[in-house]
Amino acid sequence: MKIILTGDENLSVSVYPVTTAQIISSLIENAFIHGFEGIEVGQIKIGYKLLKDTLEFTVEDNGRGIDETLQTKIFEPFYSTSVNHNKGSGLGLSIVYNLVTQKLNGQVVCRSKHDEYCRFIVTMPLLSVDNIENKNKQQDNG
């Protein structure tokens, strides 16, 4: 397995580090469990870039991909593309979706071509002091 990281190594941004790490880790784990099922040589590319006041990162594998007809379902709880349905709980991408959209106020989309690749694109606003204070108030009240 080969993992490639691309992006500006001098980029410094404020994000929720634990949440961001959990998202990336879950996407990599998802590729290992589902994307490379039956594939011996695989590659995962992790890229990141700054887009104005937004951070975009991608996690892409060269595995089995996800059929276009199934891509609208993958963020649903308990949905799995596993052939045997005995790998994972079907919650991984649902948790990723909720972390990105609710915790980070961002977006996550999947682009994939069956038997070629699967790419998850996550965009999230950068944190400012005001964003952090508002998020902390929401969590205290919520």
N, C-alpha and C. Protein backbone atom coordinates (compact mmCIF):
# COMPACT_ATOMS: atom_id res chain seq x y z
N MET A 1 0.84 -1.18 0.00
CA MET A 1 0.00 0.00 0.00
C MET A 1 0.89 1.24 0.00
N LYS A 2 0.52 2.19 -0.81
CA LYS A 2 1.27 3.43 -0.92
C LYS A 2 0.35 4.59 -0.55
N ILE A 3 0.83 5.49 0.32
CA ILE A 3 0.06 6.68 0.68
C ILE A 3 0.88 7.90 0.26
N ILE A 4 0.25 8.78 -0.50
CA ILE A 4 0.91 9.97 -1.03
C ILE A 4 0.22 11.20 -0.46
N LEU A 5 1.00 12.11 0.10
CA LEU A 5 0.48 13.35 0.65
C LEU A 5 0.93 14.51 -0.22
N THR A 6 -0.03 15.33 -0.68
CA THR A 6 0.32 16.48 -1.51
C THR A 6 -0.32 17.74 -0.93
N GLY A 7 0.38 18.82 -1.01
CA GLY A 7 -0.12 20.11 -0.54
C GLY A 7 1.06 20.99 -0.14
N ASP A 8 0.76 22.21 0.19
CA ASP A 8 1.78 23.18 0.59
C ASP A 8 2.24 22.85 2.01
N GLU A 9 3.47 22.38 2.13
CA GLU A 9 3.97 21.98 3.45
C GLU A 9 4.14 23.16 4.40
N ASN A 10 4.10 24.38 3.89
CA ASN A 10 4.21 25.57 4.73
C ASN A 10 2.85 26.13 5.12
N LEU A 11 1.79 25.49 4.66
CA LEU A 11 0.43 25.96 4.96
C LEU A 11 0.15 25.79 6.45
N SER A 12 -0.33 26.84 7.08
CA SER A 12 -0.68 26.81 8.49
C SER A 12 -2.08 27.38 8.64
N VAL A 13 -3.00 26.57 9.13
CA VAL A 13 -4.40 26.99 9.27
C VAL A 13 -4.92 26.56 10.64
N SER A 14 -6.01 27.17 11.05
CA SER A 14 -6.67 26.79 12.29
C SER A 14 -7.89 25.94 11.96
N VAL A 15 -7.88 24.72 12.45
CA VAL A 15 -8.98 23.78 12.27
C VAL A 15 -9.18 23.04 13.59
N TYR A 16 -10.23 22.25 13.67
CA TYR A 16 -10.39 21.35 14.81
C TYR A 16 -9.52 20.13 14.53
N PRO A 17 -8.35 20.01 15.17
CA PRO A 17 -7.40 18.97 14.79
C PRO A 17 -7.91 17.54 15.04
N VAL A 18 -8.55 17.30 16.16
CA VAL A 18 -9.01 15.94 16.48
C VAL A 18 -10.10 15.51 15.51
N THR A 19 -11.05 16.40 15.25
CA THR A 19 -12.14 16.08 14.32
C THR A 19 -11.60 15.87 12.91
N THR A 20 -10.71 16.74 12.48
CA THR A 20 -10.13 16.62 11.14
C THR A 20 -9.35 15.31 11.01
N ALA A 21 -8.59 14.97 12.02
CA ALA A 21 -7.84 13.71 12.00
C ALA A 21 -8.79 12.51 11.97
N GLN A 22 -9.87 12.58 12.71
CA GLN A 22 -10.85 11.49 12.72
C GLN A 22 -11.47 11.30 11.34
N ILE A 23 -11.77 12.39 10.67
CA ILE A 23 -12.36 12.33 9.33
C ILE A 23 -11.39 11.68 8.35
N ILE A 24 -10.16 12.16 8.34
CA ILE A 24 -9.15 11.61 7.41
C ILE A 24 -8.89 10.14 7.72
N SER A 25 -8.77 9.83 8.99
CA SER A 25 -8.54 8.44 9.39
C SER A 25 -9.69 7.53 8.95
N SER A 26 -10.91 8.00 9.13
CA SER A 26 -12.08 7.20 8.72
C SER A 26 -12.12 6.99 7.21
N LEU A 27 -11.76 8.01 6.45
CA LEU A 27 -11.76 7.88 4.99
C LEU A 27 -10.67 6.91 4.52
N ILE A 28 -9.51 6.95 5.18
CA ILE A 28 -8.44 6.00 4.84
C ILE A 28 -8.87 4.58 5.21
N GLU A 29 -9.43 4.42 6.40
CA GLU A 29 -9.90 3.10 6.84
C GLU A 29 -10.97 2.57 5.89
N ASN A 30 -11.86 3.43 5.45
CA ASN A 30 -12.90 3.03 4.51
C ASN A 30 -12.29 2.50 3.21
N ALA A 31 -11.24 3.17 2.74
CA ALA A 31 -10.55 2.71 1.53
C ALA A 31 -9.94 1.33 1.74
N PHE A 32 -9.29 1.13 2.89
CA PHE A 32 -8.68 -0.17 3.17
C PHE A 32 -9.73 -1.27 3.24
N ILE A 33 -10.83 -1.01 3.93
CA ILE A 33 -11.85 -2.04 4.15
C ILE A 33 -12.65 -2.32 2.89
N HIS A 34 -13.08 -1.28 2.20
CA HIS A 34 -14.00 -1.46 1.07
C HIS A 34 -13.37 -1.24 -0.29
N GLY A 35 -12.52 -0.23 -0.41
CA GLY A 35 -11.98 0.13 -1.71
C GLY A 35 -11.00 -0.87 -2.28
N PHE A 36 -10.25 -1.52 -1.41
CA PHE A 36 -9.20 -2.43 -1.88
C PHE A 36 -9.56 -3.89 -1.67
N GLU A 37 -10.82 -4.16 -1.44
CA GLU A 37 -11.27 -5.54 -1.28
C GLU A 37 -10.96 -6.31 -2.56
N GLY A 38 -10.10 -7.31 -2.45
CA GLY A 38 -9.72 -8.10 -3.62
C GLY A 38 -8.60 -7.49 -4.44
N ILE A 39 -8.01 -6.38 -3.98
CA ILE A 39 -6.93 -5.70 -4.70
C ILE A 39 -5.67 -5.76 -3.86
N GLU A 40 -4.57 -6.21 -4.46
CA GLU A 40 -3.33 -6.38 -3.70
C GLU A 40 -2.47 -5.12 -3.66
N VAL A 41 -2.46 -4.35 -4.73
CA VAL A 41 -1.63 -3.15 -4.79
C VAL A 41 -2.54 -1.93 -4.85
N GLY A 42 -2.45 -1.10 -3.82
CA GLY A 42 -3.32 0.07 -3.78
C GLY A 42 -2.56 1.33 -3.46
N GLN A 43 -3.22 2.44 -3.73
CA GLN A 43 -2.62 3.74 -3.49
C GLN A 43 -3.69 4.68 -2.95
N ILE A 44 -3.33 5.46 -1.94
CA ILE A 44 -4.22 6.48 -1.40
C ILE A 44 -3.50 7.81 -1.52
N LYS A 45 -4.17 8.79 -2.09
CA LYS A 45 -3.63 10.15 -2.20
C LYS A 45 -4.42 11.04 -1.26
N ILE A 46 -3.71 11.79 -0.43
CA ILE A 46 -4.32 12.77 0.45
C ILE A 46 -3.78 14.13 0.02
N GLY A 47 -4.67 15.01 -0.36
CA GLY A 47 -4.26 16.33 -0.81
C GLY A 47 -4.99 17.41 -0.03
N TYR A 48 -4.39 18.55 0.06
CA TYR A 48 -5.03 19.67 0.75
C TYR A 48 -4.59 20.98 0.11
N LYS A 49 -5.53 21.94 0.14
CA LYS A 49 -5.21 23.26 -0.39
C LYS A 49 -6.14 24.28 0.22
N LEU A 50 -5.70 25.50 0.20
CA LEU A 50 -6.47 26.63 0.72
C LEU A 50 -7.23 27.27 -0.43
N LEU A 51 -8.53 27.49 -0.22
CA LEU A 51 -9.38 28.16 -1.20
C LEU A 51 -10.02 29.35 -0.50
N LYS A 52 -9.43 30.51 -0.62
CA LYS A 52 -9.87 31.72 0.07
C LYS A 52 -9.92 31.46 1.57
N ASP A 53 -11.10 31.45 2.18
CA ASP A 53 -11.22 31.22 3.62
C ASP A 53 -11.70 29.80 3.93
N THR A 54 -11.42 28.88 3.01
CA THR A 54 -11.87 27.50 3.14
C THR A 54 -10.68 26.56 2.92
N LEU A 55 -10.64 25.50 3.71
CA LEU A 55 -9.67 24.44 3.50
C LEU A 55 -10.35 23.30 2.76
N GLU A 56 -9.71 22.83 1.71
CA GLU A 56 -10.23 21.66 0.99
C GLU A 56 -9.20 20.56 1.10
N PHE A 57 -9.66 19.38 1.49
CA PHE A 57 -8.78 18.24 1.41
C PHE A 57 -9.49 17.08 0.75
N THR A 58 -8.69 16.26 0.08
CA THR A 58 -9.22 15.12 -0.65
C THR A 58 -8.53 13.85 -0.17
N VAL A 59 -9.29 12.79 -0.17
CA VAL A 59 -8.75 11.45 0.07
C VAL A 59 -9.22 10.61 -1.10
N GLU A 60 -8.26 10.13 -1.88
CA GLU A 60 -8.59 9.39 -3.10
C GLU A 60 -7.84 8.07 -3.13
N ASP A 61 -8.54 7.02 -3.51
CA ASP A 61 -7.89 5.73 -3.66
C ASP A 61 -8.06 5.24 -5.10
N ASN A 62 -7.23 4.29 -5.48
CA ASN A 62 -7.33 3.71 -6.83
C ASN A 62 -7.93 2.30 -6.74
N GLY A 63 -8.87 2.14 -5.85
CA GLY A 63 -9.49 0.84 -5.63
C GLY A 63 -10.70 0.57 -6.50
N ARG A 64 -11.66 -0.14 -5.92
CA ARG A 64 -12.83 -0.62 -6.66
C ARG A 64 -13.78 0.50 -7.06
N GLY A 65 -13.73 1.62 -6.38
CA GLY A 65 -14.67 2.69 -6.68
C GLY A 65 -16.07 2.35 -6.20
N ILE A 66 -16.97 3.28 -6.39
CA ILE A 66 -18.36 3.11 -5.98
C ILE A 66 -19.23 3.38 -7.19
N ASP A 67 -20.09 2.46 -7.51
CA ASP A 67 -21.00 2.63 -8.63
C ASP A 67 -21.80 3.92 -8.45
N GLU A 68 -22.00 4.64 -9.53
CA GLU A 68 -22.67 5.93 -9.48
C GLU A 68 -24.06 5.84 -8.84
N THR A 69 -24.77 4.75 -9.07
CA THR A 69 -26.12 4.61 -8.52
C THR A 69 -26.11 4.45 -7.00
N LEU A 70 -24.97 4.09 -6.43
CA LEU A 70 -24.88 3.88 -4.97
C LEU A 70 -24.32 5.10 -4.24
N GLN A 71 -23.76 6.05 -4.96
CA GLN A 71 -23.08 7.17 -4.32
C GLN A 71 -24.00 8.05 -3.49
N THR A 72 -25.28 8.08 -3.81
CA THR A 72 -26.20 8.91 -3.02
C THR A 72 -26.53 8.26 -1.69
N LYS A 73 -26.23 6.98 -1.51
CA LYS A 73 -26.58 6.24 -0.30
C LYS A 73 -25.44 6.10 0.70
N ILE A 74 -24.21 6.35 0.29
CA ILE A 74 -23.07 5.97 1.12
C ILE A 74 -22.96 6.75 2.44
N PHE A 75 -23.60 7.91 2.54
CA PHE A 75 -23.54 8.67 3.78
C PHE A 75 -24.70 8.33 4.72
N GLU A 76 -25.56 7.42 4.31
CA GLU A 76 -26.68 7.00 5.15
C GLU A 76 -26.19 6.03 6.23
N PRO A 77 -26.73 6.14 7.45
CA PRO A 77 -26.33 5.21 8.51
C PRO A 77 -26.64 3.76 8.12
N PHE A 78 -25.71 2.87 8.46
CA PHE A 78 -25.81 1.42 8.27
C PHE A 78 -25.76 0.97 6.81
N TYR A 79 -25.42 1.88 5.90
CA TYR A 79 -25.28 1.48 4.50
C TYR A 79 -23.85 1.02 4.26
N SER A 80 -23.68 -0.07 3.55
CA SER A 80 -22.35 -0.61 3.26
C SER A 80 -22.29 -1.08 1.82
N THR A 81 -21.13 -0.85 1.20
CA THR A 81 -20.90 -1.35 -0.15
C THR A 81 -20.13 -2.66 -0.12
N SER A 82 -19.83 -3.15 1.07
CA SER A 82 -19.06 -4.39 1.21
C SER A 82 -19.80 -5.53 0.53
N VAL A 83 -19.06 -6.30 -0.24
CA VAL A 83 -19.64 -7.43 -0.96
C VAL A 83 -20.23 -8.43 0.03
N ASN A 84 -19.51 -8.71 1.11
CA ASN A 84 -19.94 -9.71 2.08
C ASN A 84 -20.83 -9.12 3.18
N HIS A 85 -20.89 -7.81 3.29
CA HIS A 85 -21.62 -7.12 4.34
C HIS A 85 -21.18 -7.56 5.74
N ASN A 86 -19.96 -8.07 5.84
CA ASN A 86 -19.46 -8.49 7.14
C ASN A 86 -18.27 -7.64 7.58
N LYS A 87 -18.02 -6.57 6.87
CA LYS A 87 -16.91 -5.69 7.21
C LYS A 87 -17.45 -4.33 7.58
N GLY A 88 -17.23 -3.93 8.81
CA GLY A 88 -17.68 -2.63 9.27
C GLY A 88 -19.14 -2.61 9.64
N SER A 89 -19.55 -1.51 10.21
CA SER A 89 -20.92 -1.36 10.71
C SER A 89 -21.83 -0.61 9.76
N GLY A 90 -21.25 0.00 8.71
CA GLY A 90 -22.05 0.83 7.83
C GLY A 90 -22.24 2.23 8.39
N LEU A 91 -21.47 2.55 9.44
CA LEU A 91 -21.60 3.87 10.07
C LEU A 91 -20.46 4.83 9.73
N GLY A 92 -19.36 4.31 9.20
CA GLY A 92 -18.17 5.13 8.99
C GLY A 92 -18.40 6.40 8.21
N LEU A 93 -18.98 6.29 7.02
CA LEU A 93 -19.19 7.48 6.19
C LEU A 93 -20.32 8.35 6.71
N SER A 94 -21.26 7.77 7.41
CA SER A 94 -22.31 8.55 8.05
C SER A 94 -21.71 9.43 9.14
N ILE A 95 -20.80 8.86 9.91
CA ILE A 95 -20.12 9.64 10.95
C ILE A 95 -19.27 10.73 10.32
N VAL A 96 -18.55 10.40 9.25
CA VAL A 96 -17.75 11.41 8.53
C VAL A 96 -18.66 12.56 8.08
N TYR A 97 -19.77 12.21 7.47
CA TYR A 97 -20.71 13.23 6.97
C TYR A 97 -21.17 14.15 8.11
N ASN A 98 -21.55 13.56 9.23
CA ASN A 98 -22.03 14.36 10.36
C ASN A 98 -20.93 15.21 10.98
N LEU A 99 -19.73 14.69 11.09
CA LEU A 99 -18.62 15.49 11.61
C LEU A 99 -18.34 16.69 10.71
N VAL A 100 -18.29 16.43 9.39
CA VAL A 100 -17.99 17.51 8.45
C VAL A 100 -19.09 18.56 8.44
N THR A 101 -20.33 18.13 8.36
CA THR A 101 -21.42 19.09 8.19
C THR A 101 -21.85 19.75 9.50
N GLN A 102 -21.80 19.03 10.60
CA GLN A 102 -22.28 19.58 11.87
C GLN A 102 -21.18 20.18 12.72
N LYS A 103 -20.09 19.48 12.88
CA LYS A 103 -18.99 19.98 13.73
C LYS A 103 -18.17 21.05 13.01
N LEU A 104 -17.89 20.81 11.72
CA LEU A 104 -17.00 21.71 10.99
C LEU A 104 -17.74 22.71 10.10
N ASN A 105 -19.06 22.58 10.00
CA ASN A 105 -19.85 23.44 9.11
C ASN A 105 -19.35 23.39 7.67
N GLY A 106 -18.95 22.21 7.25
CA GLY A 106 -18.40 22.04 5.91
C GLY A 106 -19.26 21.16 5.04
N GLN A 107 -18.66 20.67 3.98
CA GLN A 107 -19.34 19.80 3.02
C GLN A 107 -18.42 18.65 2.67
N VAL A 108 -19.01 17.50 2.37
CA VAL A 108 -18.26 16.36 1.89
C VAL A 108 -19.02 15.76 0.71
N VAL A 109 -18.29 15.48 -0.36
CA VAL A 109 -18.89 14.86 -1.53
C VAL A 109 -18.01 13.70 -1.98
N CYS A 110 -18.60 12.80 -2.69
CA CYS A 110 -17.89 11.65 -3.23
C CYS A 110 -17.94 11.72 -4.75
N ARG A 111 -16.79 11.52 -5.35
CA ARG A 111 -16.67 11.37 -6.80
C ARG A 111 -15.99 10.03 -7.03
N SER A 112 -16.57 9.22 -7.86
CA SER A 112 -16.01 7.89 -8.03
C SER A 112 -16.34 7.33 -9.40
N LYS A 113 -15.47 6.47 -9.87
CA LYS A 113 -15.73 5.72 -11.09
C LYS A 113 -15.50 4.25 -10.74
N HIS A 114 -16.52 3.47 -10.96
CA HIS A 114 -16.48 2.05 -10.59
C HIS A 114 -15.25 1.36 -11.20
N ASP A 115 -14.55 0.62 -10.37
CA ASP A 115 -13.34 -0.13 -10.73
C ASP A 115 -12.15 0.75 -11.11
N GLU A 116 -12.19 2.05 -10.76
CA GLU A 116 -11.06 2.93 -11.06
C GLU A 116 -10.59 3.74 -9.86
N TYR A 117 -11.50 4.47 -9.22
CA TYR A 117 -11.09 5.32 -8.11
C TYR A 117 -12.29 5.74 -7.28
N CYS A 118 -12.00 6.24 -6.10
CA CYS A 118 -13.00 6.89 -5.26
C CYS A 118 -12.33 8.09 -4.61
N ARG A 119 -12.95 9.25 -4.73
CA ARG A 119 -12.39 10.49 -4.18
C ARG A 119 -13.42 11.16 -3.28
N PHE A 120 -13.01 11.44 -2.06
CA PHE A 120 -13.85 12.21 -1.15
C PHE A 120 -13.25 13.61 -1.04
N ILE A 121 -14.09 14.61 -1.25
CA ILE A 121 -13.66 16.00 -1.20
C ILE A 121 -14.35 16.65 -0.01
N VAL A 122 -13.54 17.13 0.92
CA VAL A 122 -14.06 17.78 2.12
C VAL A 122 -13.67 19.24 2.08
N THR A 123 -14.64 20.12 2.23
CA THR A 123 -14.36 21.56 2.34
C THR A 123 -14.91 22.04 3.67
N MET A 124 -14.13 22.89 4.32
CA MET A 124 -14.57 23.42 5.61
C MET A 124 -14.02 24.82 5.80
N PRO A 125 -14.82 25.67 6.45
CA PRO A 125 -14.34 27.02 6.70
C PRO A 125 -13.20 26.99 7.71
N LEU A 126 -12.26 27.89 7.54
CA LEU A 126 -11.18 28.02 8.50
C LEU A 126 -11.73 28.64 9.78
N LEU A 127 -11.11 28.31 10.88
CA LEU A 127 -11.57 28.83 12.17
C LEU A 127 -11.02 30.22 12.41
N SER A 128 -11.88 31.07 12.90
CA SER A 128 -11.46 32.36 13.41
C SER A 128 -11.81 32.36 14.89
N VAL A 129 -11.36 33.34 15.62
CA VAL A 129 -11.69 33.42 17.04
C VAL A 129 -13.20 33.46 17.23
N ASP A 130 -13.92 34.21 16.38
CA ASP A 130 -15.37 34.30 16.47
C ASP A 130 -16.03 32.94 16.23
N ASN A 131 -15.54 32.20 15.23
CA ASN A 131 -16.09 30.87 14.94
C ASN A 131 -15.91 29.93 16.12
N ILE A 132 -14.73 29.98 16.74
CA ILE A 132 -14.46 29.10 17.88
C ILE A 132 -15.37 29.45 19.04
N GLU A 133 -15.51 30.75 19.34
CA GLU A 133 -16.37 31.17 20.45
C GLU A 133 -17.82 30.80 20.20
N ASN A 134 -18.32 30.99 18.97
CA ASN A 134 -19.71 30.64 18.65
C ASN A 134 -19.93 29.14 18.76
N LYS A 135 -18.98 28.35 18.27
CA LYS A 135 -19.11 26.89 18.32
C LYS A 135 -19.10 26.42 19.78
N ASN A 136 -18.25 27.02 20.62
CA ASN A 136 -18.21 26.65 22.03
C ASN A 136 -19.52 27.00 22.73
N LYS A 137 -20.13 28.14 22.38
CA LYS A 137 -21.42 28.51 22.97
C LYS A 137 -22.50 27.53 22.54
N GLN A 138 -22.49 27.13 21.27
CA GLN A 138 -23.48 26.16 20.77
C GLN A 138 -23.35 24.84 21.51
N GLN A 139 -22.11 24.40 21.73
CA GLN A 139 -21.90 23.12 22.41
C GLN A 139 -22.31 23.22 23.88
N ASP A 140 -22.07 24.38 24.51
CA ASP A 140 -22.46 24.56 25.91
C ASP A 140 -23.98 24.60 26.07
N ASN A 141 -24.67 25.15 25.06
CA ASN A 141 -26.13 25.27 25.12
C ASN A 141 -26.84 24.08 24.53
N GLY A 142 -26.12 23.23 23.84
CA GLY A 142 -26.77 22.22 23.04
C GLY A 142 -26.84 20.88 23.55
